[in-house]
Protein backbone atom coordinates (compact mmCIF):
# COMPACT_ATOMS: atom_id res chain seq x y z
CA MET A 1 -12.74 -17.05 -40.89
CA GLU A 2 -13.52 -15.26 -38.29
CA SER A 3 -14.74 -19.03 -36.04
CA GLN A 4 -11.59 -20.27 -37.27
CA SER A 5 -9.16 -17.62 -35.62
CA LEU A 6 -11.32 -18.02 -32.46
CA ARG A 7 -10.78 -21.99 -32.62
CA GLU A 8 -7.02 -21.50 -33.39
CA LYS A 9 -7.19 -18.68 -30.38
CA ALA A 10 -8.59 -21.47 -27.98
CA SER A 11 -6.20 -24.29 -29.01
CA GLU A 12 -3.29 -21.88 -28.01
CA GLU A 13 -4.58 -20.99 -24.75
CA THR A 14 -5.34 -25.15 -24.04
CA LEU A 15 -1.60 -25.51 -25.20
CA ILE A 16 -0.44 -22.96 -22.70
CA SER A 17 -2.15 -24.87 -19.60
CA LEU A 18 -0.71 -28.36 -21.20
CA LEU A 19 2.46 -27.66 -20.73
CA GLN A 20 3.43 -27.90 -17.33
CA LEU A 21 1.84 -31.58 -17.38
CA ASP A 22 3.99 -34.75 -16.71
CA PRO A 23 1.89 -37.28 -16.65
CA SER A 24 2.43 -40.08 -13.92
CA PRO A 25 2.30 -43.57 -14.63
CA ILE A 26 -1.04 -45.52 -13.77
CA GLU A 27 -1.05 -47.94 -10.81
CA SER A 28 -2.55 -51.11 -11.64
CA PRO A 29 -4.92 -52.20 -8.74
CA LEU A 30 -4.96 -55.49 -9.67
CA ALA A 31 -0.92 -55.53 -9.51
CA ASP A 32 -1.04 -54.37 -5.89
CA GLU A 33 -3.45 -57.02 -4.77
CA ALA A 34 -1.52 -59.70 -6.29
CA ALA A 35 1.79 -58.39 -4.85
CA SER A 36 0.04 -58.21 -1.13
CA ASP A 37 -1.18 -61.82 -1.84
CA GLU A 38 2.09 -63.06 -2.61
CA LYS A 39 3.53 -61.49 0.78
CA GLN A 40 0.75 -63.27 2.32
CA LEU A 41 1.91 -66.16 0.92
CA GLY A 42 5.67 -65.94 2.35
CA GLN A 43 6.91 -65.20 -0.91
CA SER A 44 10.88 -64.01 -0.53
CA SER A 45 11.07 -60.56 0.08
CA ASP A 46 14.33 -60.27 -1.89
CA GLU A 47 12.52 -61.19 -5.17
CA ASP A 48 10.10 -58.16 -4.33
CA ALA A 49 12.70 -55.40 -3.49
CA PRO A 50 13.62 -54.68 -7.06
CA VAL A 51 10.27 -54.02 -7.84
CA THR A 52 9.25 -52.06 -4.59
CA LEU A 53 12.14 -49.88 -5.41
CA LYS A 54 11.39 -49.05 -8.65
CA SER A 55 7.54 -48.38 -7.86
CA SER A 56 8.84 -45.89 -4.67
CA LYS A 57 11.55 -44.09 -7.06
CA THR A 58 8.60 -43.43 -9.50
CA GLY A 59 5.99 -42.46 -6.88
CA THR A 60 8.84 -39.90 -5.91
CA SER A 61 9.72 -38.38 -8.79
CA THR A 62 6.57 -37.86 -9.64
CA SER A 63 5.08 -36.98 -5.90
CA SER A 64 7.65 -34.17 -5.47
CA LEU A 65 6.33 -32.10 -8.30
CA GLY A 66 2.92 -32.33 -6.73
CA LEU A 67 1.22 -34.19 -9.71
CA SER A 68 -0.01 -37.46 -7.19
CA GLY A 69 -3.15 -37.08 -6.16
CA HIS A 70 -2.25 -39.32 -2.53
CA ALA A 71 1.61 -38.51 -1.87
CA GLY A 72 3.48 -35.81 -0.56
CA HIS A 73 2.71 -31.92 -0.25
CA GLY A 74 4.15 -28.43 -1.87
CA ALA A 75 5.77 -25.85 0.30
CA ILE A 76 2.75 -23.78 0.78
CA TYR A 77 1.22 -26.52 2.34
CA TYR A 78 3.61 -27.16 5.03
CA LEU A 79 3.86 -23.17 5.23
CA SER A 80 0.21 -22.43 5.86
CA ARG A 81 -0.03 -24.99 8.29
CA ILE A 82 3.29 -23.67 10.16
CA GLN A 83 1.29 -20.24 9.85
CA ARG A 84 -1.77 -21.67 11.50
CA TYR A 85 -0.51 -23.55 14.22
CA SER A 86 2.16 -21.06 15.61
CA SER A 87 -1.24 -18.72 15.73
CA TYR A 88 -2.73 -21.64 18.17
CA THR A 89 0.59 -21.43 20.79
CA PHE A 90 0.74 -17.16 20.44
CA THR A 91 -2.79 -17.32 21.38
CA VAL A 92 -2.20 -18.74 24.80
CA PHE A 93 -0.13 -15.67 25.66
CA ALA A 94 -2.26 -13.03 24.43
CA SER A 95 -4.82 -14.44 26.34
CA LEU A 96 -3.00 -14.41 29.46
CA HIS A 97 -1.63 -10.85 28.56
CA LEU A 98 -4.95 -9.74 27.98
CA ALA A 99 -6.32 -10.77 31.38
CA THR A 100 -3.24 -9.47 33.38
CA THR A 101 -2.96 -5.97 31.30
CA SER A 102 -6.87 -5.44 30.71
CA LEU A 103 -9.49 -7.41 32.76
CA ILE A 104 -7.74 -7.54 35.86
CA PRO A 105 -7.18 -3.89 36.12
CA LEU A 106 -10.63 -3.24 34.64
CA ALA A 107 -12.28 -5.46 37.80
CA THR A 108 -9.58 -4.11 40.19
CA LEU A 109 -9.64 -0.67 39.19
CA SER A 110 -6.23 -0.16 40.94
CA VAL A 111 -2.72 -0.52 38.76
CA PRO A 112 -0.82 -1.25 42.28
CA ALA A 113 -3.65 -4.39 43.15
CA SER A 114 -2.96 -5.54 39.72
CA GLU A 115 0.73 -5.89 39.89
CA ALA A 116 0.51 -9.12 41.53
CA TYR A 117 -1.01 -11.37 38.74
CA LEU A 118 1.17 -9.78 36.15
CA LEU A 119 3.89 -10.61 38.21
CA LEU A 120 2.37 -14.29 38.28
CA ALA A 121 1.52 -14.68 34.70
CA ARG A 122 5.04 -13.50 33.55
CA GLU A 123 6.25 -16.97 35.93
CA ILE A 124 4.51 -18.57 32.76
CA TYR A 125 5.18 -16.93 29.77
CA GLN A 126 8.73 -15.41 30.64
CA THR A 127 10.87 -17.74 31.80
CA PRO A 128 13.99 -18.80 29.89
CA LEU A 129 12.01 -21.74 28.43
CA SER A 130 8.56 -20.51 27.57
CA GLU A 131 9.30 -17.03 26.45
CA PRO A 132 10.68 -18.54 23.38
CA LEU A 133 8.31 -21.77 23.16
CA LEU A 134 5.41 -19.10 23.68
CA VAL A 135 6.59 -15.62 22.26
CA ALA A 136 9.33 -15.26 20.14
CA LEU A 137 9.21 -18.42 18.12
CA PRO A 138 5.81 -18.61 17.38
CA LEU A 139 5.14 -14.74 16.12
CA ALA A 140 8.59 -15.25 14.42
CA ALA A 141 7.67 -18.05 12.66
CA HIS A 142 3.66 -16.91 12.20
CA VAL A 143 5.08 -14.06 10.16
CA LEU A 144 8.07 -15.43 8.46
CA SER A 145 5.68 -18.03 6.88
CA GLY A 146 3.34 -15.90 5.66
CA VAL A 147 5.79 -13.92 4.24
CA ALA A 148 7.50 -16.93 2.71
CA ILE A 149 3.87 -17.87 1.41
CA ARG A 150 3.39 -14.68 -0.39
CA LEU A 151 6.69 -15.31 -2.25
CA LEU A 152 6.02 -18.44 -3.33
CA ARG A 153 2.89 -17.54 -4.73
CA ARG A 154 4.39 -14.44 -6.85
CA SER A 155 6.62 -16.99 -7.82
CA GLN A 156 3.95 -19.45 -9.15
CA ASN A 157 2.03 -16.35 -10.86
CA LEU A 158 5.05 -15.55 -12.95
CA LYS A 159 5.75 -18.95 -14.23
CA ARG A 160 1.81 -19.60 -14.62
CA TYR A 161 1.01 -16.22 -16.14
CA GLY A 162 4.38 -13.88 -16.28
CA GLY A 163 5.69 -15.60 -19.66
CA ALA A 164 8.14 -17.52 -17.60
CA THR A 165 6.26 -21.07 -19.29
CA PRO A 166 9.07 -23.11 -20.32
CA HIS A 167 8.73 -24.12 -24.29
CA LEU A 168 6.08 -21.54 -24.81
CA PRO A 169 5.87 -20.69 -28.71
CA VAL A 170 7.57 -17.32 -29.21
CA HIS A 171 4.73 -15.69 -30.94
CA LEU A 172 2.26 -16.28 -28.01
CA HIS A 173 4.15 -14.23 -25.47
CA ARG A 174 3.86 -11.45 -27.65
CA GLN A 175 0.71 -8.97 -27.27
CA ARG A 176 -1.02 -7.86 -30.30
CA PRO A 177 -0.45 -4.05 -31.11
CA GLN A 178 -4.30 -3.20 -30.43
CA GLN A 179 -4.25 -5.15 -26.67
CA ARG A 180 -1.17 -3.23 -25.85
CA THR A 181 -1.81 -0.72 -23.21
CA PRO A 182 0.34 2.10 -21.08
CA SER A 183 0.23 -0.32 -18.21
CA SER A 184 1.70 -3.44 -20.11
CA GLY A 185 5.07 -4.61 -20.28
CA PRO A 186 7.36 -6.38 -17.70
CA ALA A 187 6.95 -3.80 -15.13
CA ALA A 188 2.88 -4.62 -15.04
CA LYS A 189 3.34 -8.16 -15.00
CA GLN A 190 5.89 -7.91 -12.07
CA ARG A 191 3.40 -5.74 -10.11
CA GLY A 192 0.37 -8.24 -11.27
CA ALA A 193 2.01 -11.27 -9.91
CA TRP A 194 1.55 -10.21 -6.30
CA PRO A 195 -1.17 -12.19 -4.68
CA GLN A 196 -4.24 -9.93 -3.53
CA LEU A 197 -3.33 -8.35 -0.15
CA SER A 198 -6.40 -9.06 2.08
CA TRP A 199 -7.41 -7.15 5.03
CA ILE A 200 -6.23 -9.83 7.34
CA SER A 201 -2.77 -9.87 5.98
CA CYS A 202 -2.94 -5.86 6.22
CA SER A 203 -3.80 -5.96 9.65
CA GLY A 204 -1.01 -8.90 10.31
CA TYR A 205 1.87 -6.49 8.86
CA ALA A 206 0.60 -3.08 10.91
CA LEU A 207 0.54 -5.86 13.99
CA ALA A 208 3.91 -7.16 13.81
CA LEU A 209 5.43 -3.70 13.54
CA ALA A 210 3.22 -2.44 16.52
CA VAL A 211 4.13 -5.50 18.43
CA GLY A 212 7.84 -5.43 17.55
CA LEU A 213 8.00 -1.47 19.00
CA HIS A 214 5.92 -2.70 21.98
CA ALA A 215 8.71 -5.68 22.45
CA PHE A 216 11.38 -3.32 22.32
CA VAL A 217 9.85 -0.49 24.47
CA ASN A 218 8.77 -3.03 27.39
CA ARG A 219 11.36 -5.97 27.09
CA ALA A 220 14.34 -5.18 25.01
CA LEU A 221 15.19 -1.63 26.30
CA PRO A 222 15.13 -2.64 30.16
CA LEU A 223 17.11 -5.71 29.45
CA ALA A 224 19.75 -3.35 27.41
CA VAL A 225 20.05 -1.08 29.86
CA GLU A 226 19.07 -2.29 33.63
CA GLY A 227 20.18 -5.95 32.79
CA ASP A 228 16.47 -7.43 33.57
CA SER A 229 12.91 -6.16 33.35
CA ALA A 230 12.26 -6.66 37.03
CA ASN A 231 11.17 -3.30 37.51
CA ILE A 232 8.96 -3.06 34.44
CA GLY A 233 5.25 -3.14 35.04
CA LEU A 234 1.55 -1.50 34.61
CA ALA A 235 3.15 1.45 36.59
CA TYR A 236 6.26 1.75 33.86
CA VAL A 237 3.06 2.29 31.37
CA SER A 238 1.29 4.20 33.61
CA HIS A 239 4.44 6.49 33.82
CA GLY A 240 4.66 6.59 30.11
CA PHE A 241 1.31 7.92 29.19
CA ALA A 242 1.63 10.64 32.20
CA ARG A 243 5.12 11.57 30.19
CA HIS A 244 4.22 11.06 26.81
CA ALA A 245 0.41 11.24 26.50
CA ALA A 246 0.45 11.69 23.00
CA VAL A 247 2.81 9.02 21.67
CA SER A 248 1.50 6.32 24.12
CA TRP A 249 -2.33 6.96 22.88
CA ALA A 250 -1.67 6.60 19.49
CA ALA A 251 0.79 3.77 19.96
CA TYR A 252 -1.73 2.28 22.49
CA ALA A 253 -4.60 2.70 20.13
CA GLY A 254 -2.94 1.19 17.06
CA LEU A 255 -1.69 -1.75 18.59
CA LEU A 256 -5.34 -2.52 20.17
CA VAL A 257 -6.94 -1.98 16.82
CA ALA A 258 -4.49 -3.93 14.43
CA GLY A 259 -4.50 -6.89 17.41
CA CYS A 260 -7.77 -7.64 18.08
CA GLY A 261 -8.88 -7.01 14.33
CA HIS A 262 -6.30 -9.41 13.12
CA MET A 263 -6.63 -12.25 15.89
CA VAL A 264 -10.32 -12.14 15.70
CA TRP A 265 -10.90 -12.22 11.79
CA GLY A 266 -7.92 -14.46 11.61
CA TRP A 267 -9.85 -17.13 13.96
CA ALA A 268 -12.82 -16.39 11.98
CA LYS A 269 -10.64 -18.06 9.07
CA TRP A 270 -9.73 -20.74 10.71
CA PHE A 271 -13.24 -21.62 11.54
CA GLY A 272 -13.98 -20.68 7.92
CA LEU A 273 -16.52 -17.82 8.70
CA SER A 274 -14.34 -15.12 6.76
CA GLN A 275 -14.50 -16.73 3.47
CA ARG A 276 -18.49 -16.55 4.18
CA ALA A 277 -18.76 -12.98 5.39
CA GLY A 278 -18.24 -9.93 3.55
CA TRP A 279 -20.06 -6.30 2.48
CA ARG A 280 -20.22 -7.04 -1.05
CA PRO A 281 -22.47 -9.59 -2.83
CA GLY A 282 -21.03 -12.72 -3.95
CA PRO A 283 -20.84 -13.63 -7.89
CA PRO A 284 -24.37 -13.33 -9.67
CA THR A 285 -25.83 -16.40 -10.00
CA GLY A 286 -28.65 -14.66 -12.33
CA ASN A 287 -31.18 -15.45 -9.49
CA ALA A 288 -32.33 -12.46 -8.28
CA ARG A 289 -33.72 -14.31 -4.77
CA VAL A 290 -30.69 -16.24 -4.60
CA ASP A 291 -28.30 -13.50 -4.86
CA ARG A 292 -30.11 -11.45 -1.93
CA GLU A 293 -29.85 -14.27 0.19
CA VAL A 294 -26.14 -14.57 -0.38
CA LYS A 295 -25.73 -11.01 0.52
CA ARG A 296 -27.67 -11.00 3.25
CA ARG A 297 -26.12 -14.08 4.77
CA ARG A 298 -22.82 -12.93 4.04
CA ARG A 299 -23.50 -9.50 5.58
CA ARG A 300 -24.95 -11.18 8.70
CA VAL A 301 -21.68 -13.31 9.17
CA TRP A 302 -19.57 -9.94 8.65
CA TYR A 303 -21.47 -7.99 11.46
CA ALA A 304 -21.01 -10.96 13.44
CA VAL A 305 -17.43 -11.55 13.29
CA ASN A 306 -16.79 -7.41 13.21
CA GLY A 307 -18.72 -7.44 16.27
CA VAL A 308 -16.21 -9.58 18.07
CA VAL A 309 -13.64 -7.48 17.24
CA VAL A 310 -15.43 -4.32 19.00
CA LEU A 311 -16.15 -6.30 21.90
CA VAL A 312 -12.42 -7.78 22.40
CA THR A 313 -11.33 -4.07 21.30
CA GLY A 314 -13.48 -2.41 23.76
CA LEU A 315 -12.73 -5.09 26.49
CA TRP A 316 -9.18 -4.54 26.63
CA ALA A 317 -9.33 -1.16 25.80
CA ALA A 318 -11.66 -0.48 29.07
CA GLY A 319 -8.87 -1.99 31.37
CA GLY A 320 -5.55 -1.03 29.31
CA LEU A 321 -6.44 2.66 28.37
CA GLY A 322 -9.19 3.30 30.70
CA VAL A 323 -7.44 1.88 34.04
CA VAL A 324 -3.54 1.54 33.35
CA ALA A 325 -3.43 4.72 31.02
CA ARG A 326 -4.84 6.97 33.92
CA GLY A 327 -2.85 5.53 36.70
CA GLY A 328 -0.33 8.48 36.48
CA PRO A 329 3.22 9.11 37.11
CA ALA A 330 5.61 6.90 39.44
CA VAL A 331 7.54 8.44 42.60
CA GLY A 332 11.15 8.28 43.83
CA TRP A 333 13.81 6.43 42.45
CA VAL A 334 11.37 4.03 40.44
CA ALA A 335 10.23 7.36 39.03
CA LYS A 336 14.09 7.94 37.61
CA VAL A 337 14.31 4.63 36.46
CA TYR A 338 11.63 4.86 34.03
CA ASP A 339 12.93 8.63 32.96
CA GLY A 340 16.07 6.98 32.02
CA LEU A 341 14.76 4.62 30.31
CA PHE A 342 11.82 6.49 27.86
CA ASP A 343 14.99 9.00 27.48
CA ARG A 344 16.38 6.03 25.66
CA ILE A 345 13.81 5.86 22.71
CA PRO A 346 14.06 8.31 19.69
CA LEU A 347 11.59 10.41 18.70
CA LEU A 348 10.32 11.16 22.58
């Protein structure tokens, strides 16, 4: 009697997993070869047109649902590509910005001597054409595509596991009394529908906030107050550290940690390294020797990626915080311009 109830439960679970299936027509390779042979023999294309149109309509209706193995892709596929390729473009800007705000000041050990290189780099990424293409659009596409992917995956999880499956028998939606817990219910299903938030995603959201504040202080605010940002350079950053040390150090430290961590681990993900890195071992295989080897390899990759994070963060901090932040306040009318800008920033 007990085994019969187990088989009944397994059958119900199988029914749930098969409810969404829509079988697509099987294409005959013999028919395709015959059609191609007829075309090569010079048959009229008008005779083949109705058949071709019918088959294309059938393929479109099935591939739009993602059921065909050789046809179109879903929205998450294209959003993932947008998220990936936008990071390539933004990395060009980030590399130039790292060089001019950290590496060159670290080499010259002088803020005034490094200003010329920053102005030269601005001719590359701060023109009316290059700034949207290299900075604004890739950043917006990267962030918005990531948010859209999370929302789509949450919607898919709700449809698959959250009680939104169509034509599901009513008794399968109801939870047995002995299985109910205080955390079960619609609210728990809504919380559990969200995909797992990785450390890369967490650092990405923190970086988006930090970059937004950085762009507001160094780009948007001078444009709104002065009409341009011609007077904004490394001396402006040094003046901010001299006048508002605590806020500046906290803001730039957060920007460096979140930025370097997200970018390095993001590139590790594109190269397939983050999937093989981890402090905890993977799922047990039943073989202690294999489990130890897998754990050792995962930790080795984890150490390597975090080592690159520490290296990049150290280089950026050595020039940005070690040289530029210690450059001292500006003097003369430039100092008055900088003070007027910082006075318009809330919480300063």
